[in-house]
Protein backbone atom coordinates (compact mmCIF):
# COMPACT_ATOMS: atom_id res chain seq x y z
CA MET A 1 -14.97 -9.91 -13.61
CA ALA A 2 -16.61 -8.07 -16.46
CA THR A 3 -14.66 -5.16 -17.94
CA LYS A 4 -15.70 -2.01 -19.70
CA LYS A 5 -13.61 0.43 -21.65
CA TYR A 6 -13.33 3.99 -20.25
CA THR A 7 -11.55 7.06 -21.48
CA VAL A 8 -9.27 8.75 -18.98
CA THR A 9 -6.83 11.59 -19.38
CA LEU A 10 -3.32 11.09 -17.98
CA PRO A 11 -0.17 13.13 -18.17
CA GLU A 12 1.57 11.92 -21.33
CA GLU A 13 5.00 11.55 -19.72
CA LEU A 14 3.62 9.42 -16.90
CA ALA A 15 1.56 7.23 -19.21
CA GLU A 16 4.56 6.66 -21.52
CA GLU A 17 6.81 5.75 -18.56
CA ILE A 18 4.29 3.13 -17.44
CA ARG A 19 3.77 1.81 -20.98
CA GLN A 20 7.57 1.38 -21.40
CA GLU A 21 7.80 -0.52 -18.13
CA VAL A 22 4.81 -2.83 -18.54
CA GLY A 23 4.26 -2.92 -22.28
CA SER A 24 1.08 -1.94 -24.07
CA GLY A 25 -0.68 -5.16 -23.04
CA GLY A 26 0.00 -4.56 -19.33
CA PHE A 27 -1.09 -0.93 -19.19
CA SER A 28 -4.72 -1.56 -18.29
CA ALA A 29 -3.75 -4.10 -15.62
CA TYR A 30 -1.30 -1.62 -14.13
CA VAL A 31 -3.88 1.17 -14.01
CA THR A 32 -6.45 -1.22 -12.53
CA ARG A 33 -4.04 -2.22 -9.73
CA ALA A 34 -3.24 1.45 -9.05
CA ILE A 35 -6.93 2.31 -8.75
CA GLU A 36 -7.56 -0.69 -6.48
CA ARG A 37 -4.72 0.41 -4.18
CA GLN A 38 -6.09 3.93 -4.08
CA ARG A 39 -9.55 2.62 -3.16
CA GLU A 40 -7.97 0.62 -0.32
CA GLN A 41 -6.21 3.74 0.94
CA ASP A 42 -9.45 5.73 0.73
CA ARG A 43 -11.31 3.06 2.74
CA LEU A 44 -8.52 2.94 5.32
CA GLY A 45 -8.73 6.74 5.63
CA GLU A 46 -12.47 6.47 6.23
CA LEU A 47 -11.86 3.81 8.88
CA VAL A 48 -9.27 5.96 10.63
CA ALA A 49 -11.63 8.96 10.58
CA TRP A 50 -14.42 6.85 12.02
CA LEU A 51 -12.20 5.34 14.73
CA GLU A 52 -10.88 8.77 15.70
CA GLY A 53 -14.50 10.00 15.86
CA GLU A 54 -15.35 7.15 18.21
CA HIS A 55 -12.20 7.08 20.31
CA GLY A 56 -10.38 10.36 19.67
CA PRO A 57 -7.12 10.86 17.84
CA VAL A 58 -4.12 8.61 18.47
CA THR A 59 -1.80 10.19 21.05
CA ASP A 60 1.93 10.69 20.64
CA ASP A 61 2.49 8.10 23.40
CA GLU A 62 0.33 5.55 21.56
CA LEU A 63 2.23 6.22 18.32
CA ALA A 64 5.56 5.82 20.08
CA SER A 65 4.43 2.57 21.68
CA ALA A 66 3.20 1.20 18.34
CA GLU A 67 6.47 2.18 16.63
CA ALA A 68 8.51 0.47 19.36
CA GLU A 69 6.43 -2.67 18.95
CA ARG A 70 6.86 -2.54 15.14
CA ARG A 71 10.65 -2.25 15.53
CA GLU A 72 10.61 -5.19 17.96
CA PHE A 73 8.70 -7.36 15.48
CA GLU A 74 10.96 -6.26 12.65
CA SER A 75 14.04 -7.19 14.67
CA HIS A 76 12.55 -10.56 15.66
CA PHE A 77 11.73 -11.51 12.08
CA ALA A 78 15.13 -10.32 10.83
CA GLU A 79 16.78 -12.59 13.40
CA GLN A 80 14.54 -15.50 12.41
CA GLY A 81 15.46 -14.98 8.75
CA GLU A 82 19.16 -14.85 9.58
CA GLN A 83 18.89 -18.10 11.61
CA HIS A 84 17.03 -19.75 8.73
CA ARG A 85 19.69 -18.67 6.22
CA LYS A 86 22.47 -20.01 8.46
CA ALA A 87 20.67 -23.33 8.86
CA SER A 88 20.24 -23.76 5.06
């Protein structure tokens, strides 16, 4: 992918924290990944808005059902991991 140099203004304290963690050579890559993640979040927000426009907002019951299902999957995979560790 082609790159181009841009000038951005960041809070100094934040920029220095990042530079200390990733080194001067990793700063641009870190910022690039952060921007990519933000773009993903923006696109997901647009998708949610569109879906809610088409189907209405998610109800409390639907959220509760999805959370219960997520906990069930989490428990299942935790058990699978524990069985795998015991077998090793």
